[in-house]
Amino acid sequence: MSIWELLLAFLVVLLMLVALLANVLVLMCFLYSADIRKQVPGLFILNLTFCNLLMAVSSMPLTLAGIIYKGQPGGDQVCHVVGFLETFLTTNSMLSMAALSIDRWIAVVFPLSYHSKMRYRDAALILSYTWLHSASFPIVAASLSWVGFHHLYASCTLYNKRPEDRTQFVIFTGVFHALSFLLSLVVLCFTYLKVLKVARFHCKRIDVITMQTLVLLVDIHPSVRERCLEEQRRRRQRATKKISTFIGTFILCFAPYVITRLVELSSVVHINSHWGIISKCLAYSKAVSDPFVYSLLRHQYKKTWKDILNKMLKRSSINSSALAGESHGRNIPPE
């Protein structure tokens, strides 16, 4: 193996381990906290977490084996199943992010009617659509034998080996990415920009009230005034940073891979195999970033994880104390 292949193999191993650990933590928080389970967005996060976990235990290991052995790992049947799962899980993840953005849009733009517009039944219907949408493309690809090991990405994915099907495969690939990546991106941009508009409007109202208060309080200490102004700046930046993170990570992780897949359809442009694997790793990195972007960095999840950790440490401390007491009792000689 060359140094490039060693680095790429190490990158896949790192992504796989971090994705497993981070998504398991999200799953533990969901199972532990009743408050998280009661929230409607928890269903979308749970679905996204399962997609990321399945991606980490199915597609990533085979990509690692493909890099190491420089060929298809396992038999054709295994590769077809993993390729089917890879297409399904990637699409499902994108649509789950779009569903989360729709939920946030309704909560911010229509706060008074949120509980009537986004109930568990509504969330279940949206998830049912995402599953049907995500399953339709790999079913069509599998029925037409367009799933297999692709050396450019060292993974089992959408792949056409028959030159006579090239035109149909080009059309299928274009429609697939338009109705998965592009559709999700449009939904993300529309909903989060609406959320940002409302957030900025509320920030302006709060800023006006704050400035009026500071003008009236003529005897206020300069350090307090400065803290108030600093909090204003942070408030204005907070919503922008969050929305930029949601949209930015989606584009950064998926866009290079999608663009590479579309450029690959042209026989004029030659794509380096190392870049193909790197673009695939960028797509895998979404399974690493999602737990932090949507869950673990939020206050509720951080509090839940701290409670779980404290409970585990307390139980371990009690068990250690009990074992120490039992050992001490055995060492005391009888009178």
C-alpha atoms as a PDB file:
ATOM      1  CA  MET A   1       0.000   0.000   0.000  1.00  0.00           C
ATOM      2  CA  SER A   2       1.170   3.520  -0.811  1.00  0.00           C
ATOM      3  CA  ILE A   3       1.310   6.292   1.759  1.00  0.00           C
ATOM      4  CA  TRP A   4      -1.871   7.791   0.266  1.00  0.00           C
ATOM      5  CA  GLU A   5      -3.756   4.525   0.689  1.00  0.00           C
ATOM      6  CA  LEU A   6      -2.524   4.177   4.278  1.00  0.00           C
ATOM      7  CA  LEU A   7      -3.730   7.686   5.075  1.00  0.00           C
ATOM      8  CA  LEU A   8      -7.108   7.052   3.448  1.00  0.00           C
ATOM      9  CA  ALA A   9      -7.485   3.740   5.320  1.00  0.00           C
ATOM     10  CA  PHE A  10      -6.640   5.487   8.596  1.00  0.00           C
ATOM     11  CA  LEU A  11      -9.194   8.210   7.794  1.00  0.00           C
ATOM     12  CA  VAL A  12     -11.945   5.649   7.200  1.00  0.00           C
ATOM     13  CA  VAL A  13     -11.097   3.849  10.470  1.00  0.00           C
ATOM     14  CA  LEU A  14     -11.183   7.163  12.350  1.00  0.00           C
ATOM     15  CA  LEU A  15     -14.520   8.168  10.806  1.00  0.00           C
ATOM     16  CA  MET A  16     -15.998   4.753  11.555  1.00  0.00           C
ATOM     17  CA  LEU A  17     -14.960   4.761  15.235  1.00  0.00           C
ATOM     18  CA  VAL A  18     -16.056   8.350  15.912  1.00  0.00           C
ATOM     19  CA  ALA A  19     -19.363   7.815  14.086  1.00  0.00           C
ATOM     20  CA  LEU A  20     -20.092   4.700  16.146  1.00  0.00           C
ATOM     21  CA  LEU A  21     -19.212   6.357  19.456  1.00  0.00           C
ATOM     22  CA  ALA A  22     -21.041   9.647  18.821  1.00  0.00           C
ATOM     23  CA  ASN A  23     -24.228   8.049  17.482  1.00  0.00           C
ATOM     24  CA  VAL A  24     -24.320   5.488  20.305  1.00  0.00           C
ATOM     25  CA  LEU A  25     -24.141   8.410  22.764  1.00  0.00           C
ATOM     26  CA  VAL A  26     -27.127  10.046  21.043  1.00  0.00           C
ATOM     27  CA  LEU A  27     -29.048   6.764  21.213  1.00  0.00           C
ATOM     28  CA  MET A  28     -28.229   6.396  24.931  1.00  0.00           C
ATOM     29  CA  CYS A  29     -29.470   9.937  25.608  1.00  0.00           C
ATOM     30  CA  PHE A  30     -32.685   9.219  23.714  1.00  0.00           C
ATOM     31  CA  LEU A  31     -33.333   6.013  25.688  1.00  0.00           C
ATOM     32  CA  TYR A  32     -32.422   7.592  29.038  1.00  0.00           C
ATOM     33  CA  SER A  33     -34.335  10.882  28.839  1.00  0.00           C
ATOM     34  CA  ALA A  34     -38.123  10.829  28.766  1.00  0.00           C
ATOM     35  CA  ASP A  35     -38.150  14.549  27.888  1.00  0.00           C
ATOM     36  CA  ILE A  36     -36.160  13.917  24.692  1.00  0.00           C
ATOM     37  CA  ARG A  37     -38.464  11.053  23.722  1.00  0.00           C
ATOM     38  CA  LYS A  38     -41.533  13.270  24.173  1.00  0.00           C
ATOM     39  CA  GLN A  39     -40.283  15.827  21.660  1.00  0.00           C
ATOM     40  CA  VAL A  40     -41.351  15.391  18.046  1.00  0.00           C
ATOM     41  CA  PRO A  41     -37.887  16.245  16.605  1.00  0.00           C
ATOM     42  CA  GLY A  42     -36.564  13.294  18.623  1.00  0.00           C
ATOM     43  CA  LEU A  43     -38.133  10.938  16.053  1.00  0.00           C
ATOM     44  CA  PHE A  44     -36.221  12.573  13.209  1.00  0.00           C
ATOM     45  CA  ILE A  45     -32.984  12.538  15.230  1.00  0.00           C
ATOM     46  CA  LEU A  46     -33.543   8.878  16.118  1.00  0.00           C
ATOM     47  CA  ASN A  47     -34.055   8.003  12.450  1.00  0.00           C
ATOM     48  CA  LEU A  48     -30.929   9.977  11.486  1.00  0.00           C
ATOM     49  CA  THR A  49     -28.939   8.235  14.241  1.00  0.00           C
ATOM     50  CA  PHE A  50     -29.946   4.768  13.042  1.00  0.00           C
ATOM     51  CA  CYS A  51     -28.989   5.692   9.471  1.00  0.00           C
ATOM     52  CA  ASN A  52     -25.569   6.869  10.642  1.00  0.00           C
ATOM     53  CA  LEU A  53     -25.004   3.750  12.757  1.00  0.00           C
ATOM     54  CA  LEU A  54     -25.934   1.422   9.897  1.00  0.00           C
ATOM     55  CA  MET A  55     -23.641   3.377   7.583  1.00  0.00           C
ATOM     56  CA  ALA A  56     -20.787   2.986  10.080  1.00  0.00           C
ATOM     57  CA  VAL A  57     -21.200  -0.788  10.357  1.00  0.00           C
ATOM     58  CA  SER A  58     -21.984  -1.606   6.713  1.00  0.00           C
ATOM     59  CA  SER A  59     -20.561   0.771   4.098  1.00  0.00           C
ATOM     60  CA  MET A  60     -17.511   2.092   5.955  1.00  0.00           C
ATOM     61  CA  PRO A  61     -15.962  -1.332   6.751  1.00  0.00           C
ATOM     62  CA  LEU A  62     -16.345  -2.468   3.126  1.00  0.00           C
ATOM     63  CA  THR A  63     -14.793   0.775   1.872  1.00  0.00           C
ATOM     64  CA  LEU A  64     -11.880   0.155   4.244  1.00  0.00           C
ATOM     65  CA  ALA A  65     -11.509  -3.387   2.888  1.00  0.00           C
ATOM     66  CA  GLY A  66     -11.738  -2.062  -0.680  1.00  0.00           C
ATOM     67  CA  ILE A  67      -8.883   0.371  -0.017  1.00  0.00           C
ATOM     68  CA  ILE A  68      -6.709  -2.306   1.598  1.00  0.00           C
ATOM     69  CA  TYR A  69      -7.320  -5.091  -0.935  1.00  0.00           C
ATOM     70  CA  LYS A  70      -7.749  -2.754  -3.947  1.00  0.00           C
ATOM     71  CA  GLY A  71     -10.761  -4.705  -5.112  1.00  0.00           C
ATOM     72  CA  GLN A  72     -14.212  -5.925  -4.227  1.00  0.00           C
ATOM     73  CA  PRO A  73     -14.345  -7.341  -0.687  1.00  0.00           C
ATOM     74  CA  GLY A  74     -16.597 -10.377  -0.328  1.00  0.00           C
ATOM     75  CA  GLY A  75     -18.961 -11.783  -2.905  1.00  0.00           C
ATOM     76  CA  ASP A  76     -21.363 -10.071  -5.273  1.00  0.00           C
ATOM     77  CA  GLN A  77     -24.362 -10.693  -3.025  1.00  0.00           C
ATOM     78  CA  VAL A  78     -22.739  -8.930  -0.063  1.00  0.00           C
ATOM     79  CA  CYS A  79     -21.716  -6.026  -2.277  1.00  0.00           C
ATOM     80  CA  HIS A  80     -25.210  -5.692  -3.721  1.00  0.00           C
ATOM     81  CA  VAL A  81     -26.773  -5.600  -0.232  1.00  0.00           C
ATOM     82  CA  VAL A  82     -24.256  -3.030   1.028  1.00  0.00           C
ATOM     83  CA  GLY A  83     -24.653  -0.928  -2.131  1.00  0.00           C
ATOM     84  CA  PHE A  84     -28.421  -0.999  -1.698  1.00  0.00           C
ATOM     85  CA  LEU A  85     -28.067   0.056   1.948  1.00  0.00           C
ATOM     86  CA  GLU A  86     -25.567   2.802   1.104  1.00  0.00           C
ATOM     87  CA  THR A  87     -27.957   4.407  -1.406  1.00  0.00           C
ATOM     88  CA  PHE A  88     -30.941   4.037   0.929  1.00  0.00           C
ATOM     89  CA  LEU A  89     -29.171   5.338   4.047  1.00  0.00           C
ATOM     90  CA  THR A  90     -27.588   8.331   2.309  1.00  0.00           C
ATOM     91  CA  THR A  91     -30.925   9.454   0.871  1.00  0.00           C
ATOM     92  CA  ASN A  92     -32.712   8.818   4.162  1.00  0.00           C
ATOM     93  CA  SER A  93     -30.131  10.898   6.047  1.00  0.00           C
ATOM     94  CA  MET A  94     -30.542  13.835   3.656  1.00  0.00           C
ATOM     95  CA  LEU A  95     -34.325  13.742   3.895  1.00  0.00           C
ATOM     96  CA  SER A  96     -34.159  13.432   7.699  1.00  0.00           C
ATOM     97  CA  MET A  97     -32.137  16.664   7.832  1.00  0.00           C
ATOM     98  CA  ALA A  98     -34.738  18.312   5.613  1.00  0.00           C
ATOM     99  CA  ALA A  99     -37.479  17.052   7.975  1.00  0.00           C
ATOM    100  CA  LEU A 100     -35.629  18.533  10.969  1.00  0.00           C
ATOM    101  CA  SER A 101     -35.403  21.882   9.181  1.00  0.00           C
ATOM    102  CA  ILE A 102     -39.148  21.810   8.440  1.00  0.00           C
ATOM    103  CA  ASP A 103     -39.846  21.080  12.113  1.00  0.00           C
ATOM    104  CA  ARG A 104     -37.651  24.018  13.201  1.00  0.00           C
ATOM    105  CA  TRP A 105     -39.314  26.312  10.624  1.00  0.00           C
ATOM    106  CA  ILE A 106     -42.810  25.502  11.927  1.00  0.00           C
ATOM    107  CA  ALA A 107     -41.665  25.900  15.558  1.00  0.00           C
ATOM    108  CA  VAL A 108     -40.122  29.351  14.946  1.00  0.00           C
ATOM    109  CA  VAL A 109     -42.396  30.853  12.297  1.00  0.00           C
ATOM    110  CA  PHE A 110     -45.692  29.384  13.633  1.00  0.00           C
ATOM    111  CA  PRO A 111     -45.021  28.930  17.370  1.00  0.00           C
ATOM    112  CA  LEU A 112     -48.663  29.168  18.488  1.00  0.00           C
ATOM    113  CA  SER A 113     -49.855  26.438  16.122  1.00  0.00           C
ATOM    114  CA  TYR A 114     -46.734  24.231  16.291  1.00  0.00           C
ATOM    115  CA  HIS A 115     -48.290  21.522  18.483  1.00  0.00           C
ATOM    116  CA  SER A 116     -51.266  21.208  16.152  1.00  0.00           C
ATOM    117  CA  LYS A 117     -49.184  21.216  12.967  1.00  0.00           C
ATOM    118  CA  MET A 118     -46.346  18.927  14.106  1.00  0.00           C
ATOM    119  CA  ARG A 119     -47.634  16.004  16.151  1.00  0.00           C
ATOM    120  CA  TYR A 120     -46.235  12.506  16.500  1.00  0.00           C
ATOM    121  CA  ARG A 121     -48.632  11.356  13.801  1.00  0.00           C
ATOM    122  CA  ASP A 122     -47.393  14.059  11.435  1.00  0.00           C
ATOM    123  CA  ALA A 123     -43.771  13.174  12.176  1.00  0.00           C
ATOM    124  CA  ALA A 124     -44.539   9.485  11.534  1.00  0.00           C
ATOM    125  CA  LEU A 125     -46.095  10.382   8.161  1.00  0.00           C
ATOM    126  CA  ILE A 126     -43.028  12.445   7.198  1.00  0.00           C
ATOM    127  CA  LEU A 127     -40.736   9.556   8.193  1.00  0.00           C
ATOM    128  CA  SER A 128     -42.872   7.128   6.183  1.00  0.00           C
ATOM    129  CA  TYR A 129     -42.405   9.336   3.135  1.00  0.00           C
ATOM    130  CA  THR A 130     -38.637   9.542   3.669  1.00  0.00           C
ATOM    131  CA  TRP A 131     -38.425   5.734   3.843  1.00  0.00           C
ATOM    132  CA  LEU A 132     -40.531   5.238   0.701  1.00  0.00           C
ATOM    133  CA  HIS A 133     -38.595   7.934  -1.155  1.00  0.00           C
ATOM    134  CA  SER A 134     -35.235   6.532  -0.019  1.00  0.00           C
ATOM    135  CA  ALA A 135     -36.120   2.935  -0.875  1.00  0.00           C
ATOM    136  CA  SER A 136     -37.478   3.632  -4.365  1.00  0.00           C
ATOM    137  CA  PHE A 137     -34.134   4.534  -5.988  1.00  0.00           C
ATOM    138  CA  PRO A 138     -32.054   1.583  -4.715  1.00  0.00           C
ATOM    139  CA  ILE A 139     -34.912  -0.790  -5.617  1.00  0.00           C
ATOM    140  CA  VAL A 140     -34.873   0.491  -9.196  1.00  0.00           C
ATOM    141  CA  ALA A 141     -31.061   0.369  -9.316  1.00  0.00           C
ATOM    142  CA  ALA A 142     -30.951  -3.181  -7.934  1.00  0.00           C
ATOM    143  CA  SER A 143     -33.601  -4.406 -10.385  1.00  0.00           C
ATOM    144  CA  LEU A 144     -31.552  -3.000 -13.292  1.00  0.00           C
ATOM    145  CA  SER A 145     -28.244  -4.378 -11.889  1.00  0.00           C
ATOM    146  CA  TRP A 146     -26.847  -0.894 -11.326  1.00  0.00           C
ATOM    147  CA  VAL A 147     -25.363  -1.725  -7.931  1.00  0.00           C
ATOM    148  CA  GLY A 148     -21.814  -3.026  -7.537  1.00  0.00           C
ATOM    149  CA  PHE A 149     -18.241  -2.338  -6.500  1.00  0.00           C
ATOM    150  CA  HIS A 150     -16.913   0.951  -7.857  1.00  0.00           C
ATOM    151  CA  HIS A 151     -13.094   1.130  -7.897  1.00  0.00           C
ATOM    152  CA  LEU A 152     -13.104   4.933  -8.057  1.00  0.00           C
ATOM    153  CA  TYR A 153     -14.684   5.102  -4.584  1.00  0.00           C
ATOM    154  CA  ALA A 154     -13.452   1.709  -3.329  1.00  0.00           C
ATOM    155  CA  SER A 155     -16.985   0.980  -2.194  1.00  0.00           C
ATOM    156  CA  CYS A 156     -20.183  -0.796  -3.122  1.00  0.00           C
ATOM    157  CA  THR A 157     -22.527   1.809  -4.539  1.00  0.00           C
ATOM    158  CA  LEU A 158     -24.456   2.751  -7.687  1.00  0.00           C
ATOM    159  CA  TYR A 159     -22.449   1.458 -10.635  1.00  0.00           C
ATOM    160  CA  ASN A 160     -23.244   0.596 -14.242  1.00  0.00           C
ATOM    161  CA  LYS A 161     -21.008  -1.975 -15.949  1.00  0.00           C
ATOM    162  CA  ARG A 162     -22.956  -2.211 -19.220  1.00  0.00           C
ATOM    163  CA  PRO A 163     -22.118   0.403 -21.901  1.00  0.00           C
ATOM    164  CA  GLU A 164     -25.495  -0.085 -23.591  1.00  0.00           C
ATOM    165  CA  ASP A 165     -27.254   1.211 -20.433  1.00  0.00           C
ATOM    166  CA  ARG A 166     -25.154   4.365 -20.188  1.00  0.00           C
ATOM    167  CA  THR A 167     -27.877   6.823 -21.259  1.00  0.00           C
ATOM    168  CA  GLN A 168     -30.475   5.338 -18.911  1.00  0.00           C
ATOM    169  CA  PHE A 169     -27.968   5.299 -16.044  1.00  0.00           C
ATOM    170  CA  VAL A 170     -27.035   8.959 -16.639  1.00  0.00           C
ATOM    171  CA  ILE A 171     -30.700   9.979 -16.504  1.00  0.00           C
ATOM    172  CA  PHE A 172     -31.278   7.840 -13.402  1.00  0.00           C
ATOM    173  CA  THR A 173     -28.246   9.303 -11.596  1.00  0.00           C
ATOM    174  CA  GLY A 174     -29.260  12.876 -12.435  1.00  0.00           C
ATOM    175  CA  VAL A 175     -32.826  12.348 -11.200  1.00  0.00           C
ATOM    176  CA  PHE A 176     -31.582  10.545  -8.089  1.00  0.00           C
ATOM    177  CA  HIS A 177     -29.279  13.368  -6.996  1.00  0.00           C
ATOM    178  CA  ALA A 178     -31.842  16.032  -7.937  1.00  0.00           C
ATOM    179  CA  LEU A 179     -34.508  14.400  -5.738  1.00  0.00           C
ATOM    180  CA  SER A 180     -32.170  13.595  -2.848  1.00  0.00           C
ATOM    181  CA  PHE A 181     -29.296  16.069  -2.500  1.00  0.00           C
ATOM    182  CA  LEU A 182     -30.744  19.050  -4.395  1.00  0.00           C
ATOM    183  CA  LEU A 183     -34.261  18.695  -2.966  1.00  0.00           C
ATOM    184  CA  SER A 184     -32.914  18.441   0.603  1.00  0.00           C
ATOM    185  CA  LEU A 185     -30.615  21.435   0.052  1.00  0.00           C
ATOM    186  CA  VAL A 186     -33.468  23.581  -1.279  1.00  0.00           C
ATOM    187  CA  VAL A 187     -35.638  22.655   1.721  1.00  0.00           C
ATOM    188  CA  LEU A 188     -32.784  23.372   4.142  1.00  0.00           C
ATOM    189  CA  CYS A 189     -32.054  26.774   2.602  1.00  0.00           C
ATOM    190  CA  PHE A 190     -35.716  27.827   2.418  1.00  0.00           C
ATOM    191  CA  THR A 191     -36.656  26.798   5.964  1.00  0.00           C
ATOM    192  CA  TYR A 192     -33.517  27.948   7.763  1.00  0.00           C
ATOM    193  CA  LEU A 193     -33.430  31.304   5.972  1.00  0.00           C
ATOM    194  CA  LYS A 194     -37.023  31.854   7.106  1.00  0.00           C
ATOM    195  CA  VAL A 195     -35.954  30.923  10.645  1.00  0.00           C
ATOM    196  CA  LEU A 196     -33.015  33.331  10.419  1.00  0.00           C
ATOM    197  CA  LYS A 197     -35.319  36.137   9.266  1.00  0.00           C
ATOM    198  CA  VAL A 198     -37.590  35.637  12.292  1.00  0.00           C
ATOM    199  CA  ALA A 199     -34.620  35.359  14.648  1.00  0.00           C
ATOM    200  CA  ARG A 200     -33.150  38.636  13.381  1.00  0.00           C
ATOM    201  CA  PHE A 201     -36.527  40.343  13.760  1.00  0.00           C
ATOM    202  CA  HIS A 202     -36.737  39.270  17.409  1.00  0.00           C
ATOM    203  CA  CYS A 203     -33.116  40.319  17.981  1.00  0.00           C
ATOM    204  CA  LYS A 204     -33.913  43.812  16.675  1.00  0.00           C
ATOM    205  CA  ARG A 205     -36.878  44.104  19.037  1.00  0.00           C
ATOM    206  CA  ILE A 206     -34.757  43.002  21.986  1.00  0.00           C
ATOM    207  CA  ASP A 207     -31.964  45.377  20.946  1.00  0.00           C
ATOM    208  CA  VAL A 208     -34.405  48.341  20.866  1.00  0.00           C
ATOM    209  CA  ILE A 209     -35.672  47.507  24.358  1.00  0.00           C
ATOM    210  CA  THR A 210     -32.109  47.051  25.628  1.00  0.00           C
ATOM    211  CA  MET A 211     -30.925  50.355  24.201  1.00  0.00           C
ATOM    212  CA  GLN A 212     -33.948  52.182  25.651  1.00  0.00           C
ATOM    213  CA  THR A 213     -33.193  50.668  29.048  1.00  0.00           C
ATOM    214  CA  LEU A 214     -29.516  51.650  28.860  1.00  0.00           C
ATOM    215  CA  VAL A 215     -30.487  55.241  27.987  1.00  0.00           C
ATOM    216  CA  LEU A 216     -32.845  55.464  30.966  1.00  0.00           C
ATOM    217  CA  LEU A 217     -30.294  53.983  33.378  1.00  0.00           C
ATOM    218  CA  VAL A 218     -27.884  56.892  33.316  1.00  0.00           C
ATOM    219  CA  ASP A 219     -26.094  55.751  36.491  1.00  0.00           C
ATOM    220  CA  ILE A 220     -25.350  52.277  35.173  1.00  0.00           C
ATOM    221  CA  HIS A 221     -21.736  51.153  35.486  1.00  0.00           C
ATOM    222  CA  PRO A 222     -19.778  51.185  32.176  1.00  0.00           C
ATOM    223  CA  SER A 223     -18.815  47.512  32.573  1.00  0.00           C
ATOM    224  CA  VAL A 224     -22.496  46.510  32.822  1.00  0.00           C
ATOM    225  CA  ARG A 225     -23.311  48.596  29.759  1.00  0.00           C
ATOM    226  CA  GLU A 226     -20.471  46.916  27.860  1.00  0.00           C
ATOM    227  CA  ARG A 227     -21.713  43.444  28.845  1.00  0.00           C
ATOM    228  CA  CYS A 228     -25.186  44.283  27.608  1.00  0.00           C
ATOM    229  CA  LEU A 229     -23.831  45.464  24.261  1.00  0.00           C
ATOM    230  CA  GLU A 230     -21.628  42.354  24.007  1.00  0.00           C
ATOM    231  CA  GLU A 231     -24.655  40.143  24.660  1.00  0.00           C
ATOM    232  CA  GLN A 232     -26.455  41.952  21.842  1.00  0.00           C
ATOM    233  CA  ARG A 233     -23.669  41.105  19.420  1.00  0.00           C
ATOM    234  CA  ARG A 234     -23.622  37.472  20.545  1.00  0.00           C
ATOM    235  CA  ARG A 235     -27.392  37.203  20.201  1.00  0.00           C
ATOM    236  CA  ARG A 236     -27.244  38.470  16.619  1.00  0.00           C
ATOM    237  CA  GLN A 237     -24.465  36.026  15.724  1.00  0.00           C
ATOM    238  CA  ARG A 238     -25.876  32.957  17.479  1.00  0.00           C
ATOM    239  CA  ALA A 239     -28.692  32.191  15.037  1.00  0.00           C
ATOM    240  CA  THR A 240     -26.477  32.924  12.031  1.00  0.00           C
ATOM    241  CA  LYS A 241     -23.789  30.543  13.289  1.00  0.00           C
ATOM    242  CA  LYS A 242     -26.253  27.725  13.934  1.00  0.00           C
ATOM    243  CA  ILE A 243     -27.943  28.009  10.545  1.00  0.00           C
ATOM    244  CA  SER A 244     -24.596  28.351   8.771  1.00  0.00           C
ATOM    245  CA  THR A 245     -23.502  25.150  10.523  1.00  0.00           C
ATOM    246  CA  PHE A 246     -26.628  23.225   9.462  1.00  0.00           C
ATOM    247  CA  ILE A 247     -26.407  24.242   5.813  1.00  0.00           C
ATOM    248  CA  GLY A 248     -22.598  24.420   5.644  1.00  0.00           C
ATOM    249  CA  THR A 249     -21.950  20.892   6.941  1.00  0.00           C
ATOM    250  CA  PHE A 250     -24.563  19.515   4.535  1.00  0.00           C
ATOM    251  CA  ILE A 251     -22.898  21.177   1.534  1.00  0.00           C
ATOM    252  CA  LEU A 252     -19.327  20.477   2.656  1.00  0.00           C
ATOM    253  CA  CYS A 253     -19.948  16.776   3.260  1.00  0.00           C
ATOM    254  CA  PHE A 254     -22.260  15.843   0.388  1.00  0.00           C
ATOM    255  CA  ALA A 255     -21.572  18.337  -2.423  1.00  0.00           C
ATOM    256  CA  PRO A 256     -18.041  17.088  -3.365  1.00  0.00           C
ATOM    257  CA  TYR A 257     -19.282  13.495  -3.622  1.00  0.00           C
ATOM    258  CA  VAL A 258     -22.423  14.386  -5.593  1.00  0.00           C
ATOM    259  CA  ILE A 259     -20.491  16.643  -7.986  1.00  0.00           C
ATOM    260  CA  THR A 260     -17.889  13.904  -8.477  1.00  0.00           C
ATOM    261  CA  ARG A 261     -20.623  11.375  -9.270  1.00  0.00           C
ATOM    262  CA  LEU A 262     -22.116  13.720 -11.868  1.00  0.00           C
ATOM    263  CA  VAL A 263     -18.761  14.660 -13.415  1.00  0.00           C
ATOM    264  CA  GLU A 264     -17.882  10.965 -13.581  1.00  0.00           C
ATOM    265  CA  LEU A 265     -20.753  10.427 -16.010  1.00  0.00           C
ATOM    266  CA  SER A 266     -18.825  12.455 -18.544  1.00  0.00           C
ATOM    267  CA  SER A 267     -16.236  10.383 -20.365  1.00  0.00           C
ATOM    268  CA  VAL A 268     -14.162  13.536 -21.058  1.00  0.00           C
ATOM    269  CA  VAL A 269     -13.054  14.284 -17.477  1.00  0.00           C
ATOM    270  CA  HIS A 270     -10.699  11.865 -15.716  1.00  0.00           C
ATOM    271  CA  ILE A 271     -11.132  11.621 -11.953  1.00  0.00           C
ATOM    272  CA  ASN A 272      -8.251  10.533  -9.730  1.00  0.00           C
ATOM    273  CA  SER A 273      -9.073   7.481  -7.593  1.00  0.00           C
ATOM    274  CA  HIS A 274      -7.655   9.169  -4.484  1.00  0.00           C
ATOM    275  CA  TRP A 275     -10.051  12.077  -4.925  1.00  0.00           C
ATOM    276  CA  GLY A 276     -12.916   9.627  -5.419  1.00  0.00           C
ATOM    277  CA  ILE A 277     -12.185   8.008  -2.053  1.00  0.00           C
ATOM    278  CA  ILE A 278     -11.702  11.406  -0.372  1.00  0.00           C
ATOM    279  CA  SER A 279     -15.095  12.585  -1.644  1.00  0.00           C
ATOM    280  CA  LYS A 280     -16.588   9.363  -0.307  1.00  0.00           C
ATOM    281  CA  CYS A 281     -14.947   9.984   3.082  1.00  0.00           C
ATOM    282  CA  LEU A 282     -16.421  13.494   3.113  1.00  0.00           C
ATOM    283  CA  ALA A 283     -19.864  11.954   2.635  1.00  0.00           C
ATOM    284  CA  TYR A 284     -19.119   9.525   5.480  1.00  0.00           C
ATOM    285  CA  SER A 285     -18.051  12.426   7.689  1.00  0.00           C
ATOM    286  CA  LYS A 286     -21.698  13.561   7.835  1.00  0.00           C
ATOM    287  CA  ALA A 287     -22.345  10.538  10.048  1.00  0.00           C
ATOM    288  CA  VAL A 288     -19.690  11.966  12.384  1.00  0.00           C
ATOM    289  CA  SER A 289     -20.866  15.587  12.391  1.00  0.00           C
ATOM    290  CA  ASP A 290     -24.629  14.926  12.686  1.00  0.00           C
ATOM    291  CA  PRO A 291     -24.576  13.786  16.349  1.00  0.00           C
ATOM    292  CA  PHE A 292     -22.758  16.977  17.358  1.00  0.00           C
ATOM    293  CA  VAL A 293     -24.613  19.389  15.072  1.00  0.00           C
ATOM    294  CA  TYR A 294     -28.121  18.162  15.905  1.00  0.00           C
ATOM    295  CA  SER A 295     -27.807  16.577  19.355  1.00  0.00           C
ATOM    296  CA  LEU A 296     -24.756  16.317  21.590  1.00  0.00           C
ATOM    297  CA  LEU A 297     -23.890  20.043  21.624  1.00  0.00           C
ATOM    298  CA  ARG A 298     -27.414  21.020  22.656  1.00  0.00           C
ATOM    299  CA  HIS A 299     -27.993  21.803  26.339  1.00  0.00           C
ATOM    300  CA  GLN A 300     -30.595  19.080  26.860  1.00  0.00           C
ATOM    301  CA  TYR A 301     -28.369  16.322  25.470  1.00  0.00           C
ATOM    302  CA  LYS A 302     -25.310  17.573  27.369  1.00  0.00           C
ATOM    303  CA  LYS A 303     -27.310  17.538  30.614  1.00  0.00           C
ATOM    304  CA  THR A 304     -28.633  14.038  29.869  1.00  0.00           C
ATOM    305  CA  TRP A 305     -25.173  12.674  29.112  1.00  0.00           C
ATOM    306  CA  LYS A 306     -23.798  14.218  32.324  1.00  0.00           C
ATOM    307  CA  ASP A 307     -26.626  12.547  34.271  1.00  0.00           C
ATOM    308  CA  ILE A 308     -25.814   9.193  32.659  1.00  0.00           C
ATOM    309  CA  LEU A 309     -22.108   9.623  33.409  1.00  0.00           C
ATOM    310  CA  ASN A 310     -22.744  10.656  37.015  1.00  0.00           C
ATOM    311  CA  LYS A 311     -25.061   7.696  37.486  1.00  0.00           C
ATOM    312  CA  MET A 312     -22.445   5.295  36.102  1.00  0.00           C
ATOM    313  CA  LEU A 313     -19.689   6.788  38.281  1.00  0.00           C
ATOM    314  CA  LYS A 314     -21.902   6.719  41.372  1.00  0.00           C
ATOM    315  CA  ARG A 315     -22.810   3.072  40.790  1.00  0.00           C
ATOM    316  CA  SER A 316     -19.149   2.238  40.249  1.00  0.00           C
ATOM    317  CA  SER A 317     -18.241   4.064  43.475  1.00  0.00           C
ATOM    318  CA  ILE A 318     -20.924   2.203  45.437  1.00  0.00           C
ATOM    319  CA  ASN A 319     -19.764  -1.155  44.087  1.00  0.00           C
ATOM    320  CA  SER A 320     -16.141  -0.328  44.933  1.00  0.00           C
ATOM    321  CA  SER A 321     -17.108   0.695  48.465  1.00  0.00           C
ATOM    322  CA  ALA A 322     -19.130  -2.481  48.935  1.00  0.00           C
ATOM    323  CA  LEU A 323     -16.265  -4.666  47.732  1.00  0.00           C
ATOM    324  CA  ALA A 324     -13.810  -2.815  49.981  1.00  0.00           C
ATOM    325  CA  GLY A 325     -16.100  -3.218  52.993  1.00  0.00           C
ATOM    326  CA  GLU A 326     -16.578  -6.900  52.284  1.00  0.00           C
ATOM    327  CA  SER A 327     -12.823  -7.419  51.939  1.00  0.00           C
ATOM    328  CA  HIS A 328     -12.181  -5.504  55.174  1.00  0.00           C
ATOM    329  CA  GLY A 329     -14.760  -7.608  56.995  1.00  0.00           C
ATOM    330  CA  ARG A 330     -13.074 -10.803  55.903  1.00  0.00           C
ATOM    331  CA  ASN A 331      -9.687  -9.620  57.173  1.00  0.00           C
ATOM    332  CA  ILE A 332     -10.964  -8.832  60.727  1.00  0.00           C
ATOM    333  CA  PRO A 333     -10.107 -11.797  62.988  1.00  0.00           C
ATOM    334  CA  PRO A 334     -12.884 -13.179  65.172  1.00  0.00           C
ATOM    335  CA  GLU A 335     -12.760 -12.269  68.914  1.00  0.00           C
END
